[in-house]
PDB file of N, CA and C in Angstrom:
ATOM      1  N   MET A   1     -35.414 -18.350  47.545  1.00  0.00           N
ATOM      2  CA  MET A   1     -35.082 -18.213  46.222  1.00  0.00           C
ATOM      3  C   MET A   1     -33.548 -17.396  46.264  1.00  0.00           C
ATOM      4  N   SER A   2     -32.474 -18.126  45.908  1.00  0.00           N
ATOM      5  CA  SER A   2     -31.189 -17.544  45.696  1.00  0.00           C
ATOM      6  C   SER A   2     -31.058 -16.792  44.332  1.00  0.00           C
ATOM      7  N   PRO A   3     -30.301 -15.801  44.119  1.00  0.00           N
ATOM      8  CA  PRO A   3     -30.222 -15.083  42.870  1.00  0.00           C
ATOM      9  C   PRO A   3     -29.418 -15.892  42.013  1.00  0.00           C
ATOM     10  N   SER A   4     -29.794 -15.860  40.574  1.00  0.00           N
ATOM     11  CA  SER A   4     -29.171 -16.827  39.687  1.00  0.00           C
ATOM     12  C   SER A   4     -27.842 -16.061  39.167  1.00  0.00           C
ATOM     13  N   VAL A   5     -26.832 -17.134  39.268  1.00  0.00           N
ATOM     14  CA  VAL A   5     -25.540 -16.560  38.775  1.00  0.00           C
ATOM     15  C   VAL A   5     -25.166 -16.986  37.398  1.00  0.00           C
ATOM     16  N   PRO A   6     -24.682 -16.221  36.578  1.00  0.00           N
ATOM     17  CA  PRO A   6     -24.497 -16.713  35.121  1.00  0.00           C
ATOM     18  C   PRO A   6     -23.328 -17.643  35.214  1.00  0.00           C
ATOM     19  N   ASN A   7     -23.445 -18.553  34.361  1.00  0.00           N
ATOM     20  CA  ASN A   7     -22.493 -19.595  34.005  1.00  0.00           C
ATOM     21  C   ASN A   7     -22.047 -20.489  35.443  1.00  0.00           C
ATOM     22  N   GLU A   8     -22.999 -20.713  36.383  1.00  0.00           N
ATOM     23  CA  GLU A   8     -22.628 -21.124  37.570  1.00  0.00           C
ATOM     24  C   GLU A   8     -22.544 -22.868  37.157  1.00  0.00           C
ATOM     25  N   GLY A   9     -21.688 -23.328  37.825  1.00  0.00           N
ATOM     26  CA  GLY A   9     -21.198 -24.639  37.388  1.00  0.00           C
ATOM     27  C   GLY A   9     -20.647 -25.000  36.092  1.00  0.00           C
ATOM     28  N   LYS A  10     -20.538 -24.088  35.089  1.00  0.00           N
ATOM     29  CA  LYS A  10     -20.183 -24.394  33.878  1.00  0.00           C
ATOM     30  C   LYS A  10     -18.634 -23.922  33.762  1.00  0.00           C
ATOM     31  N   LYS A  11     -17.979 -24.479  32.509  1.00  0.00           N
ATOM     32  CA  LYS A  11     -16.481 -24.031  32.424  1.00  0.00           C
ATOM     33  C   LYS A  11     -16.583 -22.887  31.947  1.00  0.00           C
ATOM     34  N   PRO A  12     -15.473 -21.957  32.220  1.00  0.00           N
ATOM     35  CA  PRO A  12     -15.416 -20.767  31.555  1.00  0.00           C
ATOM     36  C   PRO A  12     -15.151 -20.842  30.210  1.00  0.00           C
ATOM     37  N   ARG A  13     -15.833 -19.916  29.351  1.00  0.00           N
ATOM     38  CA  ARG A  13     -15.684 -19.764  27.978  1.00  0.00           C
ATOM     39  C   ARG A  13     -14.181 -19.487  27.703  1.00  0.00           C
ATOM     40  N   LYS A  14     -13.524 -19.983  26.620  1.00  0.00           N
ATOM     41  CA  LYS A  14     -12.432 -19.398  26.169  1.00  0.00           C
ATOM     42  C   LYS A  14     -12.695 -18.315  25.194  1.00  0.00           C
ATOM     43  N   PRO A  15     -11.916 -17.251  25.407  1.00  0.00           N
ATOM     44  CA  PRO A  15     -12.277 -16.036  24.540  1.00  0.00           C
ATOM     45  C   PRO A  15     -11.975 -16.494  23.013  1.00  0.00           C
ATOM     46  N   ARG A  16     -12.865 -15.972  22.248  1.00  0.00           N
ATOM     47  CA  ARG A  16     -13.007 -16.273  20.553  1.00  0.00           C
ATOM     48  C   ARG A  16     -11.819 -15.354  20.205  1.00  0.00           C
ATOM     49  N   ARG A  17     -11.127 -15.959  19.171  1.00  0.00           N
ATOM     50  CA  ARG A  17     -10.127 -15.194  18.480  1.00  0.00           C
ATOM     51  C   ARG A  17     -10.807 -14.135  17.882  1.00  0.00           C
ATOM     52  N   LYS A  18     -10.591 -12.852  17.862  1.00  0.00           N
ATOM     53  CA  LYS A  18     -11.140 -11.769  17.284  1.00  0.00           C
ATOM     54  C   LYS A  18     -10.856 -11.368  15.720  1.00  0.00           C
ATOM     55  N   ARG A  19     -11.654 -11.548  14.874  1.00  0.00           N
ATOM     56  CA  ARG A  19     -11.443 -11.180  13.655  1.00  0.00           C
ATOM     57  C   ARG A  19     -12.009 -10.148  13.194  1.00  0.00           C
ATOM     58  N   GLU A  20     -11.334  -9.214  12.400  1.00  0.00           N
ATOM     59  CA  GLU A  20     -11.932  -8.042  11.899  1.00  0.00           C
ATOM     60  C   GLU A  20     -12.787  -8.384  10.680  1.00  0.00           C
ATOM     61  N   VAL A  21     -12.316  -9.154   9.846  1.00  0.00           N
ATOM     62  CA  VAL A  21     -12.944  -9.483   8.596  1.00  0.00           C
ATOM     63  C   VAL A  21     -12.924 -10.978   8.424  1.00  0.00           C
ATOM     64  N   THR A  22     -13.992 -11.662   8.024  1.00  0.00           N
ATOM     65  CA  THR A  22     -13.970 -13.107   7.684  1.00  0.00           C
ATOM     66  C   THR A  22     -14.207 -13.307   6.224  1.00  0.00           C
ATOM     67  N   GLY A  23     -14.719 -12.238   5.618  1.00  0.00           N
ATOM     68  CA  GLY A  23     -14.946 -12.470   4.087  1.00  0.00           C
ATOM     69  C   GLY A  23     -15.528 -11.254   3.404  1.00  0.00           C
ATOM     70  N   LEU A  24     -15.766 -11.382   2.172  1.00  0.00           N
ATOM     71  CA  LEU A  24     -16.407 -10.227   1.512  1.00  0.00           C
ATOM     72  C   LEU A  24     -17.807 -10.679   0.930  1.00  0.00           C
ATOM     73  N   LEU A  25     -18.822  -9.963   1.039  1.00  0.00           N
ATOM     74  CA  LEU A  25     -20.105 -10.368   0.578  1.00  0.00           C
ATOM     75  C   LEU A  25     -20.557  -9.160  -0.471  1.00  0.00           C
ATOM     76  N   GLY A  26     -20.808  -9.627  -1.645  1.00  0.00           N
ATOM     77  CA  GLY A  26     -21.257  -8.578  -2.581  1.00  0.00           C
ATOM     78  C   GLY A  26     -22.667  -9.063  -3.212  1.00  0.00           C
ATOM     79  N   VAL A  27     -23.413  -8.135  -3.068  1.00  0.00           N
ATOM     80  CA  VAL A  27     -25.083  -8.432  -3.262  1.00  0.00           C
ATOM     81  C   VAL A  27     -25.449  -7.334  -4.624  1.00  0.00           C
ATOM     82  N   GLY A  28     -25.823  -7.772  -5.637  1.00  0.00           N
ATOM     83  CA  GLY A  28     -26.300  -7.063  -6.567  1.00  0.00           C
ATOM     84  C   GLY A  28     -27.969  -7.089  -6.656  1.00  0.00           C
ATOM     85  N   LEU A  29     -28.456  -5.954  -6.737  1.00  0.00           N
ATOM     86  CA  LEU A  29     -29.921  -5.983  -6.570  1.00  0.00           C
ATOM     87  C   LEU A  29     -30.562  -5.616  -7.841  1.00  0.00           C
ATOM     88  N   ASP A  30     -29.871  -5.399  -9.108  1.00  0.00           N
ATOM     89  CA  ASP A  30     -30.611  -4.884 -10.211  1.00  0.00           C
ATOM     90  C   ASP A  30     -30.993  -5.953 -11.248  1.00  0.00           C
ATOM     91  N   ASN A  31     -31.016  -7.202 -10.786  1.00  0.00           N
ATOM     92  CA  ASN A  31     -31.337  -8.281 -11.879  1.00  0.00           C
ATOM     93  C   ASN A  31     -32.780  -8.261 -12.073  1.00  0.00           C
ATOM     94  N   GLN A  32     -33.002  -8.163 -13.359  1.00  0.00           N
ATOM     95  CA  GLN A  32     -34.610  -8.254 -14.013  1.00  0.00           C
ATOM     96  C   GLN A  32     -34.744  -9.372 -15.020  1.00  0.00           C
ATOM     97  N   ASP A  33     -33.640 -10.122 -15.052  1.00  0.00           N
ATOM     98  CA  ASP A  33     -33.677 -11.390 -16.190  1.00  0.00           C
ATOM     99  C   ASP A  33     -34.141 -12.610 -15.813  1.00  0.00           C
ATOM    100  N   GLY A  34     -34.144 -12.779 -14.426  1.00  0.00           N
ATOM    101  CA  GLY A  34     -34.500 -14.071 -13.805  1.00  0.00           C
ATOM    102  C   GLY A  34     -33.422 -14.988 -13.565  1.00  0.00           C
ATOM    103  N   HIS A  35     -32.232 -14.661 -13.898  1.00  0.00           N
ATOM    104  CA  HIS A  35     -30.955 -15.332 -13.688  1.00  0.00           C
ATOM    105  C   HIS A  35     -30.591 -15.433 -12.358  1.00  0.00           C
ATOM    106  N   THR A  36     -30.152 -16.520 -11.653  1.00  0.00           N
ATOM    107  CA  THR A  36     -29.423 -16.457 -10.425  1.00  0.00           C
ATOM    108  C   THR A  36     -27.980 -16.469 -10.635  1.00  0.00           C
ATOM    109  N   ARG A  37     -27.075 -15.552 -10.127  1.00  0.00           N
ATOM    110  CA  ARG A  37     -25.858 -15.386 -10.509  1.00  0.00           C
ATOM    111  C   ARG A  37     -25.137 -15.635  -8.954  1.00  0.00           C
ATOM    112  N   ILE A  38     -24.348 -16.607  -8.950  1.00  0.00           N
ATOM    113  CA  ILE A  38     -23.795 -16.711  -7.633  1.00  0.00           C
ATOM    114  C   ILE A  38     -22.173 -17.014  -7.856  1.00  0.00           C
ATOM    115  N   THR A  39     -21.192 -16.483  -7.458  1.00  0.00           N
ATOM    116  CA  THR A  39     -19.768 -16.462  -7.430  1.00  0.00           C
ATOM    117  C   THR A  39     -19.208 -16.840  -6.100  1.00  0.00           C
ATOM    118  N   LYS A  40     -18.495 -17.836  -5.879  1.00  0.00           N
ATOM    119  CA  LYS A  40     -17.856 -18.347  -4.415  1.00  0.00           C
ATOM    120  C   LYS A  40     -16.659 -18.319  -4.703  1.00  0.00           C
ATOM    121  N   GLY A  41     -15.719 -17.903  -3.621  1.00  0.00           N
ATOM    122  CA  GLY A  41     -14.372 -17.974  -3.616  1.00  0.00           C
ATOM    123  C   GLY A  41     -13.989 -18.312  -2.194  1.00  0.00           C
ATOM    124  N   THR A  42     -12.641 -18.524  -1.821  1.00  0.00           N
ATOM    125  CA  THR A  42     -12.321 -18.804  -0.528  1.00  0.00           C
ATOM    126  C   THR A  42     -12.661 -17.846   0.577  1.00  0.00           C
ATOM    127  N   ASP A  43     -12.627 -16.705   0.218  1.00  0.00           N
ATOM    128  CA  ASP A  43     -13.045 -15.537   1.101  1.00  0.00           C
ATOM    129  C   ASP A  43     -14.200 -14.630   0.773  1.00  0.00           C
ATOM    130  N   PHE A  44     -14.961 -15.015  -0.323  1.00  0.00           N
ATOM    131  CA  PHE A  44     -15.948 -13.964  -0.819  1.00  0.00           C
ATOM    132  C   PHE A  44     -17.110 -15.028  -1.156  1.00  0.00           C
ATOM    133  N   VAL A  45     -18.313 -14.188  -1.519  1.00  0.00           N
ATOM    134  CA  VAL A  45     -19.613 -14.656  -1.973  1.00  0.00           C
ATOM    135  C   VAL A  45     -20.025 -13.389  -2.640  1.00  0.00           C
ATOM    136  N   LEU A  46     -20.368 -13.612  -4.008  1.00  0.00           N
ATOM    137  CA  LEU A  46     -21.127 -12.601  -4.915  1.00  0.00           C
ATOM    138  C   LEU A  46     -22.395 -13.130  -5.231  1.00  0.00           C
ATOM    139  N   VAL A  47     -23.490 -12.409  -5.033  1.00  0.00           N
ATOM    140  CA  VAL A  47     -24.676 -13.125  -5.494  1.00  0.00           C
ATOM    141  C   VAL A  47     -25.627 -11.911  -6.159  1.00  0.00           C
ATOM    142  N   GLY A  48     -26.499 -12.438  -6.995  1.00  0.00           N
ATOM    143  CA  GLY A  48     -27.270 -11.465  -7.584  1.00  0.00           C
ATOM    144  C   GLY A  48     -26.778 -10.526  -8.797  1.00  0.00           C
ATOM    145  N   GLY A  49     -27.582  -9.595  -9.114  1.00  0.00           N
ATOM    146  CA  GLY A  49     -27.300  -8.382  -9.917  1.00  0.00           C
ATOM    147  C   GLY A  49     -27.515  -9.092 -11.490  1.00  0.00           C
ATOM    148  N   SER A  50     -27.376  -8.004 -12.274  1.00  0.00           N
ATOM    149  CA  SER A  50     -27.715  -8.253 -13.770  1.00  0.00           C
ATOM    150  C   SER A  50     -26.345  -8.773 -14.207  1.00  0.00           C
ATOM    151  N   ALA A  51     -26.234  -9.062 -15.329  1.00  0.00           N
ATOM    152  CA  ALA A  51     -24.869  -9.748 -15.942  1.00  0.00           C
ATOM    153  C   ALA A  51     -23.797  -8.819 -15.862  1.00  0.00           C
ATOM    154  N   GLU A  52     -24.170  -7.562 -16.019  1.00  0.00           N
ATOM    155  CA  GLU A  52     -22.977  -6.432 -16.167  1.00  0.00           C
ATOM    156  C   GLU A  52     -22.594  -6.141 -14.671  1.00  0.00           C
ATOM    157  N   THR A  53     -23.594  -5.998 -13.801  1.00  0.00           N
ATOM    158  CA  THR A  53     -23.302  -5.827 -12.356  1.00  0.00           C
ATOM    159  C   THR A  53     -22.628  -6.821 -11.715  1.00  0.00           C
ATOM    160  N   HIS A  54     -22.865  -8.090 -11.768  1.00  0.00           N
ATOM    161  CA  HIS A  54     -22.253  -9.287 -11.480  1.00  0.00           C
ATOM    162  C   HIS A  54     -20.780  -9.348 -11.876  1.00  0.00           C
ATOM    163  N   GLU A  55     -20.595  -8.970 -13.111  1.00  0.00           N
ATOM    164  CA  GLU A  55     -19.264  -8.896 -13.894  1.00  0.00           C
ATOM    165  C   GLU A  55     -18.411  -8.128 -13.306  1.00  0.00           C
ATOM    166  N   ARG A  56     -19.036  -6.693 -12.930  1.00  0.00           N
ATOM    167  CA  ARG A  56     -18.167  -5.793 -12.223  1.00  0.00           C
ATOM    168  C   ARG A  56     -17.726  -6.130 -10.785  1.00  0.00           C
ATOM    169  N   MET A  57     -18.639  -6.885 -10.109  1.00  0.00           N
ATOM    170  CA  MET A  57     -18.311  -7.421  -8.745  1.00  0.00           C
ATOM    171  C   MET A  57     -17.209  -8.408  -8.972  1.00  0.00           C
ATOM    172  N   GLN A  58     -17.351  -9.315  -9.793  1.00  0.00           N
ATOM    173  CA  GLN A  58     -16.305 -10.377 -10.006  1.00  0.00           C
ATOM    174  C   GLN A  58     -14.938  -9.572 -10.486  1.00  0.00           C
ATOM    175  N   ASP A  59     -15.024  -8.618 -11.243  1.00  0.00           N
ATOM    176  CA  ASP A  59     -13.782  -7.977 -11.511  1.00  0.00           C
ATOM    177  C   ASP A  59     -13.267  -7.247 -10.403  1.00  0.00           C
ATOM    178  N   PHE A  60     -13.896  -6.593  -9.553  1.00  0.00           N
ATOM    179  CA  PHE A  60     -13.518  -5.892  -8.478  1.00  0.00           C
ATOM    180  C   PHE A  60     -12.795  -6.753  -7.453  1.00  0.00           C
ATOM    181  N   THR A  61     -13.655  -7.963  -7.250  1.00  0.00           N
ATOM    182  CA  THR A  61     -13.001  -9.018  -6.329  1.00  0.00           C
ATOM    183  C   THR A  61     -11.725  -9.568  -6.722  1.00  0.00           C
ATOM    184  N   ILE A  62     -11.655  -9.840  -8.107  1.00  0.00           N
ATOM    185  CA  ILE A  62     -10.268 -10.430  -8.509  1.00  0.00           C
ATOM    186  C   ILE A  62      -9.220  -9.331  -8.345  1.00  0.00           C
ATOM    187  N   ARG A  63      -9.399  -8.071  -8.755  1.00  0.00           N
ATOM    188  CA  ARG A  63      -8.325  -6.941  -8.566  1.00  0.00           C
ATOM    189  C   ARG A  63      -8.178  -7.004  -7.083  1.00  0.00           C
ATOM    190  N   LEU A  64      -8.985  -6.929  -6.245  1.00  0.00           N
ATOM    191  CA  LEU A  64      -8.810  -6.840  -4.733  1.00  0.00           C
ATOM    192  C   LEU A  64      -7.982  -7.874  -4.261  1.00  0.00           C
ATOM    193  N   THR A  65      -8.197  -9.249  -4.693  1.00  0.00           N
ATOM    194  CA  THR A  65      -7.614 -10.290  -4.186  1.00  0.00           C
ATOM    195  C   THR A  65      -6.189 -10.384  -4.712  1.00  0.00           C
ATOM    196  N   GLU A  66      -5.994 -10.075  -5.955  1.00  0.00           N
ATOM    197  CA  GLU A  66      -4.494 -10.098  -6.611  1.00  0.00           C
ATOM    198  C   GLU A  66      -3.775  -8.900  -5.731  1.00  0.00           C
ATOM    199  N   LYS A  67      -4.236  -7.790  -5.448  1.00  0.00           N
ATOM    200  CA  LYS A  67      -3.483  -6.900  -4.724  1.00  0.00           C
ATOM    201  C   LYS A  67      -3.027  -7.575  -3.299  1.00  0.00           C
ATOM    202  N   LEU A  68      -3.985  -8.108  -2.700  1.00  0.00           N
ATOM    203  CA  LEU A  68      -3.611  -8.728  -1.444  1.00  0.00           C
ATOM    204  C   LEU A  68      -2.665  -9.584  -1.516  1.00  0.00           C
ATOM    205  N   ALA A  69      -2.749 -10.511  -2.741  1.00  0.00           N
ATOM    206  CA  ALA A  69      -1.999 -11.617  -2.858  1.00  0.00           C
ATOM    207  C   ALA A  69      -0.428 -11.270  -2.926  1.00  0.00           C
ATOM    208  N   LYS A  70      -0.381  -9.979  -3.577  1.00  0.00           N
ATOM    209  CA  LYS A  70       1.244  -9.417  -3.642  1.00  0.00           C
ATOM    210  C   LYS A  70       1.609  -9.047  -2.442  1.00  0.00           C
ATOM    211  N   LYS A  71       0.828  -8.687  -1.517  1.00  0.00           N
ATOM    212  CA  LYS A  71       1.332  -8.718  -0.078  1.00  0.00           C
ATOM    213  C   LYS A  71       1.323  -9.930   0.692  1.00  0.00           C
ATOM    214  N   GLY A  72       1.146 -10.925   0.170  1.00  0.00           N
ATOM    215  CA  GLY A  72       0.907 -12.475   1.015  1.00  0.00           C
ATOM    216  C   GLY A  72      -0.314 -12.466   1.826  1.00  0.00           C
ATOM    217  N   LYS A  73      -1.245 -11.810   1.469  1.00  0.00           N
ATOM    218  CA  LYS A  73      -2.441 -11.959   2.321  1.00  0.00           C
ATOM    219  C   LYS A  73      -3.617 -12.461   1.427  1.00  0.00           C
ATOM    220  N   ARG A  74      -4.648 -12.746   2.403  1.00  0.00           N
ATOM    221  CA  ARG A  74      -6.039 -12.903   1.860  1.00  0.00           C
ATOM    222  C   ARG A  74      -7.098 -12.108   2.262  1.00  0.00           C
ATOM    223  N   ILE A  75      -8.358 -11.825   1.795  1.00  0.00           N
ATOM    224  CA  ILE A  75      -9.141 -11.083   2.443  1.00  0.00           C
ATOM    225  C   ILE A  75      -9.370 -11.240   3.792  1.00  0.00           C
ATOM    226  N   ALA A  76      -9.376 -12.449   4.267  1.00  0.00           N
ATOM    227  CA  ALA A  76      -9.563 -12.757   5.702  1.00  0.00           C
ATOM    228  C   ALA A  76      -8.305 -12.397   6.672  1.00  0.00           C
ATOM    229  N   ASP A  77      -7.114 -12.049   6.036  1.00  0.00           N
ATOM    230  CA  ASP A  77      -6.182 -11.768   6.767  1.00  0.00           C
ATOM    231  C   ASP A  77      -5.871 -10.215   6.936  1.00  0.00           C
ATOM    232  N   ALA A  78      -6.770  -9.370   5.998  1.00  0.00           N
ATOM    233  CA  ALA A  78      -6.461  -8.029   5.810  1.00  0.00           C
ATOM    234  C   ALA A  78      -7.283  -7.316   7.003  1.00  0.00           C
ATOM    235  N   HIS A  79      -6.829  -6.118   7.466  1.00  0.00           N
ATOM    236  CA  HIS A  79      -7.609  -5.291   8.483  1.00  0.00           C
ATOM    237  C   HIS A  79      -8.602  -4.444   7.668  1.00  0.00           C
ATOM    238  N   VAL A  80      -9.640  -4.085   8.266  1.00  0.00           N
ATOM    239  CA  VAL A  80     -10.542  -3.340   7.705  1.00  0.00           C
ATOM    240  C   VAL A  80     -10.278  -2.127   7.030  1.00  0.00           C
ATOM    241  N   GLN A  81      -9.466  -1.321   7.615  1.00  0.00           N
ATOM    242  CA  GLN A  81      -8.822  -0.181   6.928  1.00  0.00           C
ATOM    243  C   GLN A  81      -8.025  -0.608   5.544  1.00  0.00           C
ATOM    244  N   GLU A  82      -7.376  -1.542   5.768  1.00  0.00           N
ATOM    245  CA  GLU A  82      -6.556  -1.880   4.641  1.00  0.00           C
ATOM    246  C   GLU A  82      -7.510  -2.332   3.398  1.00  0.00           C
ATOM    247  N   LEU A  83      -8.508  -2.938   3.626  1.00  0.00           N
ATOM    248  CA  LEU A  83      -9.531  -3.253   2.584  1.00  0.00           C
ATOM    249  C   LEU A  83     -10.071  -2.100   2.185  1.00  0.00           C
ATOM    250  N   ARG A  84     -10.528  -1.123   3.021  1.00  0.00           N
ATOM    251  CA  ARG A  84     -11.042   0.040   2.618  1.00  0.00           C
ATOM    252  C   ARG A  84     -10.070   0.995   1.704  1.00  0.00           C
ATOM    253  N   ASP A  85      -8.983   1.148   2.040  1.00  0.00           N
ATOM    254  CA  ASP A  85      -7.897   1.750   1.268  1.00  0.00           C
ATOM    255  C   ASP A  85      -7.718   1.101  -0.115  1.00  0.00           C
ATOM    256  N   LEU A  86      -7.682  -0.093  -0.044  1.00  0.00           N
ATOM    257  CA  LEU A  86      -7.593  -0.813  -1.494  1.00  0.00           C
ATOM    258  C   LEU A  86      -8.923  -0.624  -2.389  1.00  0.00           C
ATOM    259  N   ALA A  87     -10.121  -0.766  -1.585  1.00  0.00           N
ATOM    260  CA  ALA A  87     -11.401  -0.679  -2.298  1.00  0.00           C
ATOM    261  C   ALA A  87     -11.293   0.771  -3.039  1.00  0.00           C
ATOM    262  N   ALA A  88     -10.881   1.922  -2.146  1.00  0.00           N
ATOM    263  CA  ALA A  88     -10.902   3.214  -2.699  1.00  0.00           C
ATOM    264  C   ALA A  88      -9.793   3.335  -3.946  1.00  0.00           C
ATOM    265  N   GLU A  89      -8.698   2.726  -3.726  1.00  0.00           N
ATOM    266  CA  GLU A  89      -7.816   2.630  -4.780  1.00  0.00           C
ATOM    267  C   GLU A  89      -8.283   2.169  -5.924  1.00  0.00           C
ATOM    268  N   LEU A  90      -9.120   1.200  -6.007  1.00  0.00           N
ATOM    269  CA  LEU A  90      -9.480   0.283  -7.088  1.00  0.00           C
ATOM    270  C   LEU A  90     -10.754   1.093  -7.796  1.00  0.00           C
ATOM    271  N   ARG A  91     -11.411   1.796  -6.906  1.00  0.00           N
ATOM    272  CA  ARG A  91     -12.549   2.577  -7.538  1.00  0.00           C
ATOM    273  C   ARG A  91     -12.002   3.673  -8.407  1.00  0.00           C
ATOM    274  N   ASP A  92     -10.942   4.353  -7.659  1.00  0.00           N
ATOM    275  CA  ASP A  92     -10.468   5.530  -8.347  1.00  0.00           C
ATOM    276  C   ASP A  92      -8.848   5.528  -8.477  1.00  0.00           C
ATOM    277  N   PRO A  93      -8.417   4.747  -9.438  1.00  0.00           N
ATOM    278  CA  PRO A  93      -7.124   4.622  -9.712  1.00  0.00           C
ATOM    279  C   PRO A  93      -6.286   5.875 -10.178  1.00  0.00           C
ATOM    280  N   SER A  94      -5.924   6.775  -9.579  1.00  0.00           N
ATOM    281  CA  SER A  94      -5.268   7.980  -9.846  1.00  0.00           C
ATOM    282  C   SER A  94      -3.886   7.912 -10.299  1.00  0.00           C
TER     283      SER A  94
END
């Protein structure tokens, strides 16, 4: 019995384009009224939460996408650190 060689006889895989961020997922866990809340955008999905929590997630996402748009970017185009910095700025506008 010969040892198995991975991918023997197969075409080599093309390296995938590495992306740091593909989108934003917001999840609200405080829903107690039974409503299903879902908001979808090009680069984000927001699910769940109370009416207030879901609205806050929407507001945050709108402000984030607007700031990125001023730089000519979308969420999927931004680097992780850039998104972190913008998120911190939006939470604490000093």
